[in-house]
Amino acid sequence: MAKTQDYSAIMKDMMGAFPVDTKAMDEAFKTTATLNEKLSAVSVDAAEKSAELSAVWAKDTLAKFADFAKVKAEPADYAKAMTDMASSSAEAAAEHVASFAEIAKKVQLETVELMMAAGKNASEEASAVVKKATTEATAAVKKAAAK
């Protein structure tokens, strides 16, 4: 009777010949987690600044509206108050939109810097992993050929 091939032993030998470097996987995970932490910090900082700016803008608008809503002595004073409110609101909008743009610009710059640094690190890590894997695979092939 013919002997049946033990495929589990063959797979075990094959996987042993090409070991997986779990340290490299751990480092890749840590690198990704660190990048995510830095990106989150940039996002949270921008959100905090945007929220503060929005609160200031709303408070200023309400203060201007309170002045606008006061009783005036002459009918012409209402027209002047409305004109003043519209003018100051437009001016405030321009200032606040410019401030929001600065926040967005800072987020963009910080994100680009982080991504460029992460790309450089990933490239260096990948190069080291490939070099190590090539060395190990070459050694495994030579060992198998020597049998």
C-alpha atoms as a PDB file:
ATOM      1  CA  MET A   1       0.000   0.000   0.000  1.00  0.00           C
ATOM      2  CA  ALA A   2       1.310   3.473  -0.922  1.00  0.00           C
ATOM      3  CA  LYS A   3       2.242   5.882   1.838  1.00  0.00           C
ATOM      4  CA  THR A   4       0.056   9.035   2.024  1.00  0.00           C
ATOM      5  CA  GLN A   5       1.847  12.383   1.891  1.00  0.00           C
ATOM      6  CA  ASP A   6       1.788  14.334   5.157  1.00  0.00           C
ATOM      7  CA  TYR A   7       0.803  17.749   3.815  1.00  0.00           C
ATOM      8  CA  SER A   8       0.779  19.362   7.258  1.00  0.00           C
ATOM      9  CA  ALA A   9       4.464  18.447   7.687  1.00  0.00           C
ATOM     10  CA  ILE A  10       5.245  19.838   4.228  1.00  0.00           C
ATOM     11  CA  MET A  11       3.451  23.108   5.022  1.00  0.00           C
ATOM     12  CA  LYS A  12       5.214  23.327   8.396  1.00  0.00           C
ATOM     13  CA  ASP A  13       8.601  22.857   6.740  1.00  0.00           C
ATOM     14  CA  MET A  14       7.777  25.395   4.036  1.00  0.00           C
ATOM     15  CA  MET A  15       6.560  28.022   6.525  1.00  0.00           C
ATOM     16  CA  GLY A  16       9.621  27.400   8.693  1.00  0.00           C
ATOM     17  CA  ALA A  17      11.855  28.066   5.709  1.00  0.00           C
ATOM     18  CA  PHE A  18      10.292  31.514   5.296  1.00  0.00           C
ATOM     19  CA  PRO A  19       9.735  32.789   8.814  1.00  0.00           C
ATOM     20  CA  VAL A  20       7.545  35.810   9.494  1.00  0.00           C
ATOM     21  CA  ASP A  21       9.256  38.552  11.435  1.00  0.00           C
ATOM     22  CA  THR A  22       6.678  39.438  14.103  1.00  0.00           C
ATOM     23  CA  LYS A  23       8.979  42.164  15.440  1.00  0.00           C
ATOM     24  CA  ALA A  24       8.645  43.984  12.126  1.00  0.00           C
ATOM     25  CA  MET A  25       4.854  43.636  12.351  1.00  0.00           C
ATOM     26  CA  ASP A  26       4.931  45.053  15.893  1.00  0.00           C
ATOM     27  CA  GLU A  27       7.083  47.975  14.770  1.00  0.00           C
ATOM     28  CA  ALA A  28       4.784  48.672  11.828  1.00  0.00           C
ATOM     29  CA  PHE A  29       1.791  48.694  14.179  1.00  0.00           C
ATOM     30  CA  LYS A  30       3.562  51.030  16.609  1.00  0.00           C
ATOM     31  CA  THR A  31       4.594  53.337  13.776  1.00  0.00           C
ATOM     32  CA  THR A  32       1.016  53.479  12.491  1.00  0.00           C
ATOM     33  CA  ALA A  33      -0.364  54.072  15.977  1.00  0.00           C
ATOM     34  CA  THR A  34       2.136  56.885  16.564  1.00  0.00           C
ATOM     35  CA  LEU A  35       1.219  58.523  13.244  1.00  0.00           C
ATOM     36  CA  ASN A  36      -2.486  58.265  14.074  1.00  0.00           C
ATOM     37  CA  GLU A  37      -1.842  59.839  17.483  1.00  0.00           C
ATOM     38  CA  LYS A  38      -0.012  62.779  15.890  1.00  0.00           C
ATOM     39  CA  LEU A  39      -2.688  63.255  13.218  1.00  0.00           C
ATOM     40  CA  SER A  40      -5.389  63.129  15.890  1.00  0.00           C
ATOM     41  CA  ALA A  41      -3.548  65.771  17.910  1.00  0.00           C
ATOM     42  CA  VAL A  42      -3.473  68.051  14.857  1.00  0.00           C
ATOM     43  CA  SER A  43      -7.210  67.496  14.295  1.00  0.00           C
ATOM     44  CA  VAL A  44      -8.153  68.049  17.935  1.00  0.00           C
ATOM     45  CA  ASP A  45      -6.075  71.226  18.117  1.00  0.00           C
ATOM     46  CA  ALA A  46      -7.742  72.572  14.978  1.00  0.00           C
ATOM     47  CA  ALA A  47     -11.197  71.652  16.287  1.00  0.00           C
ATOM     48  CA  GLU A  48     -10.501  73.423  19.600  1.00  0.00           C
ATOM     49  CA  LYS A  49      -9.317  76.570  17.833  1.00  0.00           C
ATOM     50  CA  SER A  50     -12.295  76.492  15.456  1.00  0.00           C
ATOM     51  CA  ALA A  51     -14.722  76.059  18.358  1.00  0.00           C
ATOM     52  CA  GLU A  52     -13.131  78.973  20.240  1.00  0.00           C
ATOM     53  CA  LEU A  53     -13.277  81.149  17.140  1.00  0.00           C
ATOM     54  CA  SER A  54     -16.927  80.224  16.524  1.00  0.00           C
ATOM     55  CA  ALA A  55     -17.816  81.044  20.135  1.00  0.00           C
ATOM     56  CA  VAL A  56     -16.108  84.458  19.931  1.00  0.00           C
ATOM     57  CA  TRP A  57     -17.845  85.200  16.631  1.00  0.00           C
ATOM     58  CA  ALA A  58     -21.253  84.247  18.046  1.00  0.00           C
ATOM     59  CA  LYS A  59     -20.684  86.295  21.208  1.00  0.00           C
ATOM     60  CA  ASP A  60     -19.650  89.359  19.165  1.00  0.00           C
ATOM     61  CA  THR A  61     -22.662  88.982  16.886  1.00  0.00           C
ATOM     62  CA  LEU A  62     -25.046  88.727  19.846  1.00  0.00           C
ATOM     63  CA  ALA A  63     -23.496  91.820  21.451  1.00  0.00           C
ATOM     64  CA  LYS A  64     -23.951  93.772  18.205  1.00  0.00           C
ATOM     65  CA  PHE A  65     -27.529  92.548  17.926  1.00  0.00           C
ATOM     66  CA  ALA A  66     -28.246  93.663  21.494  1.00  0.00           C
ATOM     67  CA  ASP A  67     -27.140  97.188  20.542  1.00  0.00           C
ATOM     68  CA  PHE A  68     -29.177  96.996  17.335  1.00  0.00           C
ATOM     69  CA  ALA A  69     -32.323  95.897  19.213  1.00  0.00           C
ATOM     70  CA  LYS A  70     -32.348  98.869  21.639  1.00  0.00           C
ATOM     71  CA  VAL A  71     -35.079 101.471  21.269  1.00  0.00           C
ATOM     72  CA  LYS A  72     -34.042 104.436  19.156  1.00  0.00           C
ATOM     73  CA  ALA A  73     -35.202 108.048  19.518  1.00  0.00           C
ATOM     74  CA  GLU A  74     -35.673 108.745  15.805  1.00  0.00           C
ATOM     75  CA  PRO A  75     -36.822 106.529  12.922  1.00  0.00           C
ATOM     76  CA  ALA A  76     -33.623 107.414  11.022  1.00  0.00           C
ATOM     77  CA  ASP A  77     -31.608 105.946  13.890  1.00  0.00           C
ATOM     78  CA  TYR A  78     -33.042 102.498  13.076  1.00  0.00           C
ATOM     79  CA  ALA A  79     -31.740 102.739   9.524  1.00  0.00           C
ATOM     80  CA  LYS A  80     -28.339 103.820  10.807  1.00  0.00           C
ATOM     81  CA  ALA A  81     -28.285 100.970  13.367  1.00  0.00           C
ATOM     82  CA  MET A  82     -29.184  98.460  10.639  1.00  0.00           C
ATOM     83  CA  THR A  83     -26.471  99.821   8.349  1.00  0.00           C
ATOM     84  CA  ASP A  84     -23.922  99.748  11.147  1.00  0.00           C
ATOM     85  CA  MET A  85     -24.889  96.173  12.063  1.00  0.00           C
ATOM     86  CA  ALA A  86     -24.658  94.983   8.457  1.00  0.00           C
ATOM     87  CA  SER A  87     -21.305  96.709   7.993  1.00  0.00           C
ATOM     88  CA  SER A  88     -19.786  95.385  11.219  1.00  0.00           C
ATOM     89  CA  SER A  89     -21.156  91.891  10.510  1.00  0.00           C
ATOM     90  CA  ALA A  90     -19.557  91.846   7.069  1.00  0.00           C
ATOM     91  CA  GLU A  91     -16.269  93.071   8.525  1.00  0.00           C
ATOM     92  CA  ALA A  92     -16.379  90.457  11.307  1.00  0.00           C
ATOM     93  CA  ALA A  93     -17.212  87.727   8.802  1.00  0.00           C
ATOM     94  CA  ALA A  94     -14.163  88.604   6.704  1.00  0.00           C
ATOM     95  CA  GLU A  95     -11.910  88.568   9.773  1.00  0.00           C
ATOM     96  CA  HIS A  96     -13.285  85.296  11.111  1.00  0.00           C
ATOM     97  CA  VAL A  97     -13.185  83.533   7.750  1.00  0.00           C
ATOM     98  CA  ALA A  98      -9.542  84.589   7.432  1.00  0.00           C
ATOM     99  CA  SER A  99      -8.888  83.134  10.892  1.00  0.00           C
ATOM    100  CA  PHE A 100     -10.567  79.862   9.905  1.00  0.00           C
ATOM    101  CA  ALA A 101      -8.384  79.812   6.784  1.00  0.00           C
ATOM    102  CA  GLU A 102      -5.265  80.194   8.937  1.00  0.00           C
ATOM    103  CA  ILE A 103      -6.350  77.257  11.083  1.00  0.00           C
ATOM    104  CA  ALA A 104      -6.930  75.151   7.947  1.00  0.00           C
ATOM    105  CA  LYS A 105      -3.571  76.194   6.498  1.00  0.00           C
ATOM    106  CA  LYS A 106      -1.793  75.157   9.709  1.00  0.00           C
ATOM    107  CA  VAL A 107      -3.579  71.778   9.686  1.00  0.00           C
ATOM    108  CA  GLN A 108      -2.589  71.242   6.067  1.00  0.00           C
ATOM    109  CA  LEU A 109       1.077  72.073   6.695  1.00  0.00           C
ATOM    110  CA  GLU A 110       1.311  69.885   9.803  1.00  0.00           C
ATOM    111  CA  THR A 111      -0.434  66.990   8.050  1.00  0.00           C
ATOM    112  CA  VAL A 112       1.893  67.171   5.049  1.00  0.00           C
ATOM    113  CA  GLU A 113       4.935  67.226   7.356  1.00  0.00           C
ATOM    114  CA  LEU A 114       3.658  64.212   9.299  1.00  0.00           C
ATOM    115  CA  MET A 115       2.846  62.252   6.141  1.00  0.00           C
ATOM    116  CA  MET A 116       6.242  62.992   4.592  1.00  0.00           C
ATOM    117  CA  ALA A 117       8.010  61.893   7.786  1.00  0.00           C
ATOM    118  CA  ALA A 118       5.841  58.769   7.958  1.00  0.00           C
ATOM    119  CA  GLY A 119       6.600  57.948   4.329  1.00  0.00           C
ATOM    120  CA  LYS A 120      10.324  58.278   4.947  1.00  0.00           C
ATOM    121  CA  ASN A 121      10.111  56.070   8.057  1.00  0.00           C
ATOM    122  CA  ALA A 122       7.954  53.480   6.295  1.00  0.00           C
ATOM    123  CA  SER A 123      10.380  53.356   3.379  1.00  0.00           C
ATOM    124  CA  GLU A 124      13.340  52.832   5.695  1.00  0.00           C
ATOM    125  CA  GLU A 125      11.502  50.161   7.694  1.00  0.00           C
ATOM    126  CA  ALA A 126      10.324  48.356   4.559  1.00  0.00           C
ATOM    127  CA  SER A 127      13.841  48.391   3.164  1.00  0.00           C
ATOM    128  CA  ALA A 128      15.209  46.855   6.372  1.00  0.00           C
ATOM    129  CA  VAL A 129      12.476  44.190   6.450  1.00  0.00           C
ATOM    130  CA  VAL A 130      13.029  43.266   2.785  1.00  0.00           C
ATOM    131  CA  LYS A 131      16.781  43.074   3.300  1.00  0.00           C
ATOM    132  CA  LYS A 132      16.365  40.818   6.343  1.00  0.00           C
ATOM    133  CA  ALA A 133      13.784  38.621   4.579  1.00  0.00           C
ATOM    134  CA  THR A 134      16.051  38.300   1.540  1.00  0.00           C
ATOM    135  CA  THR A 135      18.967  37.267   3.725  1.00  0.00           C
ATOM    136  CA  GLU A 136      16.848  34.696   5.580  1.00  0.00           C
ATOM    137  CA  ALA A 137      15.270  33.342   2.395  1.00  0.00           C
ATOM    138  CA  THR A 138      18.671  33.014   0.735  1.00  0.00           C
ATOM    139  CA  ALA A 139      19.971  31.142   3.759  1.00  0.00           C
ATOM    140  CA  ALA A 140      16.911  28.855   3.729  1.00  0.00           C
ATOM    141  CA  VAL A 141      17.325  28.102   0.014  1.00  0.00           C
ATOM    142  CA  LYS A 142      21.028  27.343   0.480  1.00  0.00           C
ATOM    143  CA  LYS A 143      20.197  25.088   3.434  1.00  0.00           C
ATOM    144  CA  ALA A 144      17.529  23.263   1.446  1.00  0.00           C
ATOM    145  CA  ALA A 145      19.857  22.888  -1.538  1.00  0.00           C
ATOM    146  CA  ALA A 146      22.581  21.451   0.664  1.00  0.00           C
ATOM    147  CA  LYS A 147      20.290  18.545   1.751  1.00  0.00           C
END
